Amino acid sequence: MLRDKSFTLTALLLIVFALSTWLDVNGVWVELPLIVNEAPEGWSLPSYLTLAIALSNIGPLIIVLLKLRFKKRLDERIFIYVEILVGIISCALIAQHWNTTSYFAGRPHSVFFLILVFLLGTLDTTSTVTYADYMKRYHAKLLNALYLGESLTSLIPSILASIQGVGGEAICRENSTYPEYSSPRFSVQVYFWTFVGIILLSLIAFLLLEFSSISKTQRTFNVMEFSVETSLTPDSQTTSLHMSKKHYYILLAFGFLSSIIIYGILPSIGTYAVLPYSQRAYYISSLILPISNPLSVLLGIFLRSILSIFTLTILLICATCISMYVIVVAALSPCPPLHDSAGGAVLIISCYFLAYLLFYYIRLVLGNRIRQEFPRESGLFWFGAASQFGSLVGAIPMYLLINVYNLFKSRAVCQAYC
């Protein structure tokens, strides 16, 4: 009974601890309908953000180099402290200076905001590596708790934005090309200060995990325990509890390929894919899409969190095909098929949601297989590194296609098209 209580409390602390992973960056994406109204970049701002976050992969690169140099002597907990503390400070600065503009290359830009997003991206991309590595200290069945907390980093901003009333449908007055928006219930400043408080709770959870006796019985220090640890899922007993290096590298490749799309391509083209179906469609998508992440965790908990490589391959192909439809629609903006129609809006949002759901589920399955079957404590570390490298490979070409070659055309509100 005491052990069950310890497991539950440890899982709850890990969930709160994981809120500091991508909460701030996801919060920026959800708040975009308000931010772009005052940003000189307008609706091209998402591509700038994607590039800034992609370049922030310098953080994981440094961690990887340090890991190669120091191996087991590298303590990931040091980086976690830095990530959380700097995240708190950066969120506070964004709360106060999110709309500050300055001239760069002869044009006004949100320079300070982009620098802060780059800094947050550095911390968040690094957390993908360090937080996963930290889970080697706990039993494998607690990994889903970390994934659930990480998934909430997209859902919480969505809920907060819906309460705020961010980015509702624009009001277009007769003979006017300038949209009018209703005022939000609270400001962008309050929105980001809320994140400061949440990340502070995450720090407290981490301190409890490290210095209290709550999680003591849930820890493991024997690397070989990784190969005999079991899962709460019903299919775990039918799965081989040992993974060859060949299979491990295949799973790393899957993580790399899926990250190219889910973290590099899809976030860059959201406005081009959805805005042609109305401002309201984009607003609804910003609230619905974040649900895909926690839903994928629930699927992993109640269905299967261990799948064969063949099944993973089929899921990856399906998710990629669905994503291709979204990419094609974005490329045909501002007049894609079924533009300005409710049916078109439902179709594009459904495809976007399903693509995210499948990719997040694939990522969950990959993490669980590596944690339970690969008998090396660095397994999750390199999985996180491969995922972040994939996001970099996906984001840089998209930035060039959008901002240098102008292959994607945005749609301004209150203007006639098609």
Protein backbone atom coordinates (compact mmCIF):
# COMPACT_ATOMS: atom_id res chain seq x y z
CA MET A 1 0.00 0.00 0.00
CA LEU A 2 2.83 2.38 0.91
CA ARG A 3 4.61 1.48 -2.31
CA ASP A 4 1.48 2.27 -4.36
CA LYS A 5 1.24 5.62 -2.63
CA SER A 6 4.91 6.31 -3.32
CA PHE A 7 4.41 5.42 -6.99
CA THR A 8 1.39 7.73 -7.32
CA LEU A 9 3.11 10.66 -5.62
CA THR A 10 6.26 10.19 -7.67
CA ALA A 11 4.21 10.06 -10.87
CA LEU A 12 2.42 13.29 -9.91
CA LEU A 13 5.72 15.01 -9.16
CA LEU A 14 7.14 13.87 -12.50
CA ILE A 15 4.07 15.22 -14.29
CA VAL A 16 4.48 18.65 -12.65
CA PHE A 17 8.24 18.51 -13.19
CA ALA A 18 7.73 17.86 -16.93
CA LEU A 19 5.60 21.01 -17.27
CA SER A 20 8.83 23.00 -17.53
CA THR A 21 9.85 21.23 -20.75
CA TRP A 22 7.92 22.96 -23.57
CA LEU A 23 5.30 25.03 -21.72
CA ASP A 24 6.81 28.42 -22.58
CA VAL A 25 7.49 27.79 -26.28
CA ASN A 26 4.10 26.12 -26.77
CA GLY A 27 2.56 29.08 -25.01
CA VAL A 28 4.12 31.41 -27.55
CA TRP A 29 2.57 29.44 -30.44
CA VAL A 30 -0.90 29.48 -28.88
CA GLU A 31 -0.69 33.22 -28.16
CA LEU A 32 0.29 34.08 -31.75
CA PRO A 33 -3.15 35.41 -32.79
CA LEU A 34 -2.64 38.25 -30.30
CA ILE A 35 1.11 38.66 -30.72
CA VAL A 36 1.06 39.01 -34.53
CA ASN A 37 -1.35 41.94 -34.28
CA GLU A 38 1.51 44.04 -32.90
CA ALA A 39 4.46 42.25 -34.52
CA PRO A 40 5.97 43.96 -37.59
CA GLU A 41 6.50 40.52 -39.18
CA GLY A 42 2.77 39.83 -39.19
CA TRP A 43 1.79 36.26 -40.05
CA SER A 44 5.30 35.44 -41.25
CA LEU A 45 6.35 35.53 -37.59
CA PRO A 46 5.77 31.74 -37.14
CA SER A 47 8.52 30.94 -39.65
CA TYR A 48 10.91 33.24 -37.76
CA LEU A 49 9.95 31.49 -34.52
CA THR A 50 10.49 28.06 -36.07
CA LEU A 51 13.97 29.10 -37.23
CA ALA A 52 14.83 30.58 -33.84
CA ILE A 53 13.75 27.37 -32.12
CA ALA A 54 15.61 25.27 -34.69
CA LEU A 55 18.82 27.24 -34.19
CA SER A 56 18.38 26.80 -30.45
CA ASN A 57 19.40 23.18 -31.00
CA ILE A 58 22.88 24.45 -30.23
CA GLY A 59 21.91 23.55 -26.64
CA PRO A 60 21.39 19.82 -27.26
CA LEU A 61 24.49 19.81 -29.48
CA ILE A 62 26.58 21.08 -26.59
CA ILE A 63 25.07 18.46 -24.29
CA VAL A 64 25.82 15.73 -26.83
CA LEU A 65 29.45 16.84 -27.11
CA LEU A 66 29.78 16.92 -23.34
CA LYS A 67 28.21 13.47 -23.14
CA LEU A 68 30.75 12.11 -25.61
CA ARG A 69 33.56 13.69 -23.63
CA PHE A 70 32.54 12.89 -20.06
CA LYS A 71 30.18 9.93 -20.60
CA LYS A 72 28.72 8.72 -17.26
CA ARG A 73 30.43 11.49 -15.34
CA LEU A 74 28.06 14.05 -16.87
CA ASP A 75 25.25 14.78 -14.40
CA GLU A 76 22.12 15.90 -16.27
CA ARG A 77 20.61 17.37 -13.09
CA ILE A 78 22.94 20.36 -13.26
CA PHE A 79 21.53 21.32 -16.65
CA ILE A 80 17.96 20.79 -15.45
CA TYR A 81 18.44 23.36 -12.69
CA VAL A 82 19.80 25.87 -15.21
CA GLU A 83 17.00 25.17 -17.71
CA ILE A 84 14.21 25.73 -15.18
CA LEU A 85 15.71 28.86 -13.61
CA VAL A 86 16.54 30.54 -16.92
CA GLY A 87 13.08 29.55 -18.19
CA ILE A 88 11.47 31.42 -15.31
CA ILE A 89 13.57 34.53 -15.99
CA SER A 90 12.98 34.44 -19.76
CA CYS A 91 9.21 34.07 -19.38
CA ALA A 92 9.18 37.07 -17.04
CA LEU A 93 11.10 39.12 -19.63
CA ILE A 94 8.72 38.10 -22.42
CA ALA A 95 5.78 39.10 -20.21
CA GLN A 96 7.22 42.62 -19.98
CA HIS A 97 8.75 43.07 -23.45
CA TRP A 98 6.86 40.82 -25.89
CA ASN A 99 5.80 43.76 -28.11
CA THR A 100 9.11 45.66 -28.11
CA THR A 101 10.33 46.33 -31.65
CA SER A 102 13.64 47.57 -33.03
CA TYR A 103 15.18 48.12 -36.45
CA PHE A 104 17.30 45.37 -37.97
CA ALA A 105 18.59 45.42 -41.56
CA GLY A 106 16.65 48.63 -42.15
CA ARG A 107 13.27 47.17 -41.15
CA PRO A 108 11.36 46.90 -37.86
CA HIS A 109 11.54 43.46 -36.26
CA SER A 110 10.62 41.82 -32.97
CA VAL A 111 14.31 41.35 -32.21
CA PHE A 112 14.10 41.14 -28.42
CA PHE A 113 11.12 38.80 -28.55
CA LEU A 114 12.88 36.49 -31.04
CA ILE A 115 16.03 36.47 -28.90
CA LEU A 116 13.99 35.45 -25.85
CA VAL A 117 12.19 32.75 -27.85
CA PHE A 118 15.60 31.51 -29.02
CA LEU A 119 16.71 31.35 -25.40
CA LEU A 120 13.54 29.51 -24.37
CA GLY A 121 13.99 27.20 -27.35
CA THR A 122 17.55 26.44 -26.24
CA LEU A 123 16.27 25.45 -22.82
CA ASP A 124 13.33 23.44 -24.14
CA THR A 125 15.24 21.57 -26.84
CA THR A 126 17.91 20.77 -24.25
CA SER A 127 15.23 19.51 -21.88
CA THR A 128 14.23 16.92 -24.49
CA VAL A 129 17.67 15.39 -23.98
CA THR A 130 18.26 15.99 -20.27
CA TYR A 131 14.78 15.14 -18.96
CA ALA A 132 14.74 11.87 -20.89
CA ASP A 133 18.21 11.10 -19.56
CA TYR A 134 17.00 11.87 -16.03
CA MET A 135 14.41 9.08 -16.28
CA LYS A 136 17.16 6.46 -16.15
CA ARG A 137 17.00 7.07 -12.40
CA TYR A 138 13.41 5.77 -12.16
CA HIS A 139 11.58 2.56 -12.98
CA ALA A 140 10.47 2.26 -16.61
CA LYS A 141 6.76 2.33 -15.78
CA LEU A 142 7.14 5.96 -14.66
CA LEU A 143 8.21 7.14 -18.12
CA ASN A 144 4.58 7.69 -19.18
CA ALA A 145 4.22 10.15 -16.28
CA LEU A 146 6.96 12.28 -17.82
CA TYR A 147 5.30 12.04 -21.24
CA LEU A 148 1.93 12.99 -19.78
CA GLY A 149 3.40 16.08 -18.12
CA GLU A 150 5.17 17.01 -21.33
CA SER A 151 1.93 16.61 -23.27
CA LEU A 152 0.17 19.00 -20.89
CA THR A 153 2.62 21.73 -21.95
CA SER A 154 0.56 22.09 -25.12
CA LEU A 155 -2.86 21.64 -23.52
CA ILE A 156 -2.43 24.14 -20.65
CA PRO A 157 -1.64 27.11 -22.96
CA SER A 158 -4.64 26.15 -25.09
CA ILE A 159 -6.97 26.16 -22.08
CA LEU A 160 -5.50 29.43 -20.85
CA ALA A 161 -5.90 31.01 -24.29
CA SER A 162 -9.53 29.88 -24.54
CA ILE A 163 -10.24 31.55 -21.20
CA GLN A 164 -8.40 34.62 -22.41
CA GLY A 165 -10.41 34.76 -25.62
CA VAL A 166 -7.33 35.02 -27.82
CA GLY A 167 -7.63 35.49 -31.57
CA GLY A 168 -11.37 35.28 -32.12
CA GLU A 169 -12.74 35.96 -35.58
CA ALA A 170 -11.86 39.36 -36.97
CA ILE A 171 -14.57 41.94 -37.62
CA CYS A 172 -14.32 43.38 -41.15
CA ARG A 173 -16.09 46.72 -41.54
CA GLU A 174 -17.55 47.73 -44.88
CA ASN A 175 -15.01 49.41 -47.22
CA SER A 176 -12.19 48.68 -44.78
CA THR A 177 -9.26 46.30 -45.23
CA TYR A 178 -8.20 46.54 -41.59
CA PRO A 179 -9.66 43.97 -39.18
CA GLU A 180 -10.96 44.79 -35.74
CA TYR A 181 -10.60 42.34 -32.85
CA SER A 182 -12.42 42.08 -29.57
CA SER A 183 -10.29 42.72 -26.51
CA PRO A 184 -9.02 39.63 -24.62
CA ARG A 185 -10.15 39.05 -21.03
CA PHE A 186 -6.58 39.49 -19.84
CA SER A 187 -3.38 40.68 -21.46
CA VAL A 188 -0.43 38.89 -23.03
CA GLN A 189 1.56 40.08 -20.02
CA VAL A 190 -0.69 38.25 -17.55
CA TYR A 191 -0.64 35.19 -19.83
CA PHE A 192 3.15 34.82 -19.61
CA TRP A 193 3.32 35.67 -15.92
CA THR A 194 1.03 32.69 -15.38
CA PHE A 195 3.69 30.55 -17.03
CA VAL A 196 6.27 31.92 -14.63
CA GLY A 197 4.17 30.58 -11.76
CA ILE A 198 3.69 27.17 -13.40
CA ILE A 199 7.41 26.72 -14.11
CA LEU A 200 8.13 27.71 -10.51
CA LEU A 201 5.87 24.83 -9.42
CA SER A 202 7.89 22.60 -11.71
CA LEU A 203 11.06 23.61 -9.90
CA ILE A 204 9.45 22.78 -6.56
CA ALA A 205 8.44 19.34 -7.88
CA PHE A 206 12.01 18.70 -9.03
CA LEU A 207 13.38 19.66 -5.64
CA LEU A 208 10.94 17.26 -3.96
CA LEU A 209 11.99 14.48 -6.32
CA GLU A 210 15.63 15.09 -5.50
CA PHE A 211 15.64 15.81 -1.78
CA SER A 212 12.52 14.24 -0.26
CA SER A 213 11.95 10.56 0.51
CA ILE A 214 8.78 10.43 -1.62
CA SER A 215 10.41 8.87 -4.68
CA LYS A 216 13.13 6.88 -2.93
CA THR A 217 11.48 3.49 -3.49
CA GLN A 218 10.83 4.28 -7.16
CA ARG A 219 14.45 4.83 -8.07
CA THR A 220 16.76 2.42 -9.85
CA PHE A 221 20.50 2.68 -10.13
CA ASN A 222 21.24 -0.65 -11.77
CA VAL A 223 21.51 -0.19 -15.55
CA MET A 224 20.78 -3.86 -16.19
CA GLU A 225 17.38 -3.41 -14.56
CA PHE A 226 16.40 -1.60 -17.78
CA SER A 227 16.21 -4.91 -19.61
CA VAL A 228 13.93 -6.65 -17.13
CA GLU A 229 11.62 -3.77 -16.19
CA THR A 230 7.97 -4.38 -17.06
CA SER A 231 5.18 -2.06 -18.08
CA LEU A 232 1.64 -1.64 -16.92
CA THR A 233 0.37 -2.21 -20.44
CA PRO A 234 -1.31 -5.58 -21.08
CA ASP A 235 0.92 -6.47 -24.03
CA SER A 236 4.22 -6.04 -22.23
CA GLN A 237 4.64 -9.68 -21.37
CA THR A 238 4.47 -10.72 -25.01
CA THR A 239 7.26 -8.33 -26.02
CA SER A 240 10.92 -9.26 -26.12
CA LEU A 241 12.75 -7.53 -23.30
CA HIS A 242 15.99 -7.13 -25.20
CA MET A 243 16.80 -4.88 -28.15
CA SER A 244 19.70 -5.24 -30.55
CA LYS A 245 21.74 -2.24 -31.64
CA LYS A 246 20.28 -2.60 -35.13
CA HIS A 247 16.72 -2.22 -33.83
CA TYR A 248 17.81 0.62 -31.57
CA TYR A 249 19.25 2.55 -34.53
CA ILE A 250 16.04 1.94 -36.49
CA LEU A 251 14.02 3.46 -33.65
CA LEU A 252 16.39 6.44 -33.53
CA ALA A 253 15.84 6.90 -37.26
CA PHE A 254 12.06 6.83 -36.73
CA GLY A 255 12.41 9.49 -34.02
CA PHE A 256 14.56 11.60 -36.33
CA LEU A 257 12.20 11.33 -39.31
CA SER A 258 9.05 12.03 -37.30
CA SER A 259 10.67 15.09 -35.68
CA ILE A 260 11.45 16.58 -39.09
CA ILE A 261 7.71 16.85 -39.73
CA ILE A 262 6.14 17.34 -36.30
CA TYR A 263 8.67 19.87 -34.98
CA GLY A 264 10.21 21.31 -38.12
CA ILE A 265 7.62 21.47 -40.91
CA LEU A 266 4.09 21.49 -39.47
CA PRO A 267 4.59 24.39 -36.99
CA SER A 268 6.03 26.55 -39.80
CA ILE A 269 3.05 26.26 -42.14
CA GLY A 270 0.09 26.36 -39.76
CA THR A 271 -1.02 29.84 -40.77
CA TYR A 272 -0.72 29.09 -44.50
CA ALA A 273 -2.69 25.84 -44.17
CA VAL A 274 -5.55 27.02 -41.96
CA LEU A 275 -6.05 30.77 -42.42
CA PRO A 276 -7.49 30.34 -45.97
CA TYR A 277 -10.49 28.72 -44.27
CA SER A 278 -11.10 31.75 -42.00
CA GLN A 279 -9.64 33.39 -38.93
CA ARG A 280 -12.06 31.42 -36.79
CA ALA A 281 -10.74 28.16 -38.24
CA TYR A 282 -7.22 29.14 -37.21
CA TYR A 283 -8.46 30.08 -33.74
CA ILE A 284 -10.27 26.76 -33.34
CA SER A 285 -7.22 24.85 -34.57
CA SER A 286 -5.01 26.60 -32.00
CA LEU A 287 -7.31 25.24 -29.28
CA ILE A 288 -7.87 21.74 -30.69
CA LEU A 289 -4.42 20.73 -31.92
CA PRO A 290 -2.77 20.80 -28.46
CA ILE A 291 -5.22 18.10 -27.32
CA SER A 292 -3.49 15.61 -29.64
CA ASN A 293 -0.44 15.34 -27.39
CA PRO A 294 -2.12 14.30 -24.10
CA LEU A 295 -4.54 12.12 -26.09
CA SER A 296 -1.57 10.22 -27.54
CA VAL A 297 -0.32 9.55 -24.00
CA LEU A 298 -3.73 8.21 -22.98
CA LEU A 299 -3.68 5.93 -26.02
CA GLY A 300 -0.30 4.65 -24.91
CA ILE A 301 -1.51 4.02 -21.37
CA PHE A 302 -4.83 2.33 -22.14
CA LEU A 303 -4.03 0.65 -25.46
CA ARG A 304 -0.47 -0.29 -26.39
CA SER A 305 2.78 1.47 -25.56
CA ILE A 306 4.93 -1.26 -27.14
CA LEU A 307 4.58 -1.90 -30.89
CA SER A 308 6.58 -3.87 -33.45
CA ILE A 309 8.84 -2.11 -35.94
CA PHE A 310 6.48 -3.16 -38.76
CA THR A 311 3.49 -1.50 -37.04
CA LEU A 312 5.56 1.60 -36.30
CA THR A 313 6.54 1.78 -39.96
CA ILE A 314 2.89 1.65 -41.05
CA LEU A 315 1.94 4.39 -38.57
CA LEU A 316 4.86 6.55 -39.69
CA ILE A 317 3.85 6.19 -43.36
CA CYS A 318 0.21 7.06 -42.55
CA ALA A 319 1.20 10.12 -40.49
CA THR A 320 3.56 11.29 -43.25
CA CYS A 321 0.87 10.94 -45.95
CA ILE A 322 -1.62 12.93 -43.88
CA SER A 323 1.04 15.58 -43.29
CA MET A 324 1.66 15.80 -47.03
CA TYR A 325 -1.96 16.90 -47.52
CA VAL A 326 -1.43 19.70 -44.99
CA ILE A 327 1.81 20.73 -46.73
CA VAL A 328 0.12 20.79 -50.16
CA VAL A 329 -2.76 22.89 -48.82
CA ALA A 330 -0.27 25.34 -47.29
CA ALA A 331 1.65 25.54 -50.57
CA LEU A 332 -1.59 26.39 -52.44
CA SER A 333 -2.43 29.26 -50.04
CA PRO A 334 -4.17 31.68 -50.23
CA CYS A 335 -6.61 29.67 -52.41
CA PRO A 336 -6.35 25.95 -51.59
CA PRO A 337 -9.16 23.47 -52.35
CA LEU A 338 -12.41 24.13 -50.44
CA HIS A 339 -11.12 27.53 -49.30
CA ASP A 340 -13.51 29.73 -47.27
CA SER A 341 -15.77 26.77 -46.55
CA ALA A 342 -16.72 25.00 -43.34
CA GLY A 343 -16.08 21.60 -44.92
CA GLY A 344 -12.57 22.61 -45.93
CA ALA A 345 -11.88 23.92 -42.43
CA VAL A 346 -13.05 20.67 -40.83
CA LEU A 347 -10.92 18.63 -43.24
CA ILE A 348 -7.68 20.56 -42.75
CA ILE A 349 -8.04 20.74 -38.96
CA SER A 350 -8.86 17.02 -38.80
CA CYS A 351 -5.80 16.13 -40.89
CA TYR A 352 -3.59 18.42 -38.82
CA PHE A 353 -4.91 16.88 -35.61
CA LEU A 354 -4.55 13.29 -36.83
CA ALA A 355 -1.00 13.90 -38.06
CA TYR A 356 0.02 15.33 -34.68
CA LEU A 357 -1.76 12.51 -32.83
CA LEU A 358 0.00 9.78 -34.81
CA PHE A 359 3.43 11.37 -34.55
CA TYR A 360 3.09 11.98 -30.80
CA TYR A 361 1.93 8.39 -30.31
CA ILE A 362 4.88 7.10 -32.35
CA ARG A 363 7.22 9.15 -30.18
CA LEU A 364 5.64 7.71 -27.03
CA VAL A 365 6.02 4.15 -28.29
CA LEU A 366 9.63 4.77 -29.32
CA GLY A 367 10.50 6.13 -25.89
CA ASN A 368 8.85 3.23 -24.08
CA ARG A 369 10.55 0.59 -26.23
CA ILE A 370 13.97 2.15 -25.77
CA ARG A 371 13.53 2.63 -22.02
CA GLN A 372 12.34 -0.93 -21.43
CA GLU A 373 14.32 -2.95 -23.96
CA PHE A 374 17.64 -1.23 -24.65
CA PRO A 375 20.08 -2.26 -21.90
CA ARG A 376 22.07 0.99 -21.77
CA GLU A 377 21.35 4.01 -19.64
CA SER A 378 22.16 6.41 -22.50
CA GLY A 379 19.37 5.01 -24.70
CA LEU A 380 16.86 7.79 -24.04
CA PHE A 381 19.59 10.43 -24.18
CA TRP A 382 20.41 9.65 -27.82
CA PHE A 383 16.72 9.32 -28.64
CA GLY A 384 16.20 12.89 -27.44
CA ALA A 385 19.26 14.05 -29.38
CA ALA A 386 18.02 12.40 -32.60
CA SER A 387 14.60 14.04 -32.17
CA GLN A 388 16.11 17.51 -31.76
CA PHE A 389 18.40 17.06 -34.75
CA GLY A 390 15.34 16.11 -36.79
CA SER A 391 13.55 19.32 -35.83
CA LEU A 392 16.59 21.31 -36.98
CA VAL A 393 16.73 19.49 -40.32
CA GLY A 394 13.03 20.23 -40.87
CA ALA A 395 12.92 23.86 -39.74
CA ILE A 396 15.83 25.41 -41.67
CA PRO A 397 14.56 24.46 -45.18
CA MET A 398 11.08 25.66 -44.25
CA TYR A 399 12.46 29.03 -43.18
CA LEU A 400 14.24 29.38 -46.52
CA LEU A 401 11.16 28.35 -48.50
CA ILE A 402 8.93 30.81 -46.61
CA ASN A 403 11.14 33.86 -46.05
CA VAL A 404 13.80 33.66 -48.77
CA TYR A 405 12.11 32.01 -51.73
CA ASN A 406 8.55 33.12 -50.80
CA LEU A 407 6.97 29.87 -51.95
CA PHE A 408 4.21 30.15 -49.34
CA LYS A 409 1.72 33.03 -49.64
CA SER A 410 -0.12 34.24 -46.57
CA ARG A 411 -3.69 35.50 -46.53
CA ALA A 412 -4.40 38.85 -44.93
CA VAL A 413 -7.63 39.27 -42.99
CA CYS A 414 -10.44 41.39 -44.47
CA GLN A 415 -9.10 41.18 -48.02
CA ALA A 416 -10.75 39.45 -51.00
CA TYR A 417 -9.02 36.44 -52.58
CA CYS A 418 -9.66 33.70 -55.14
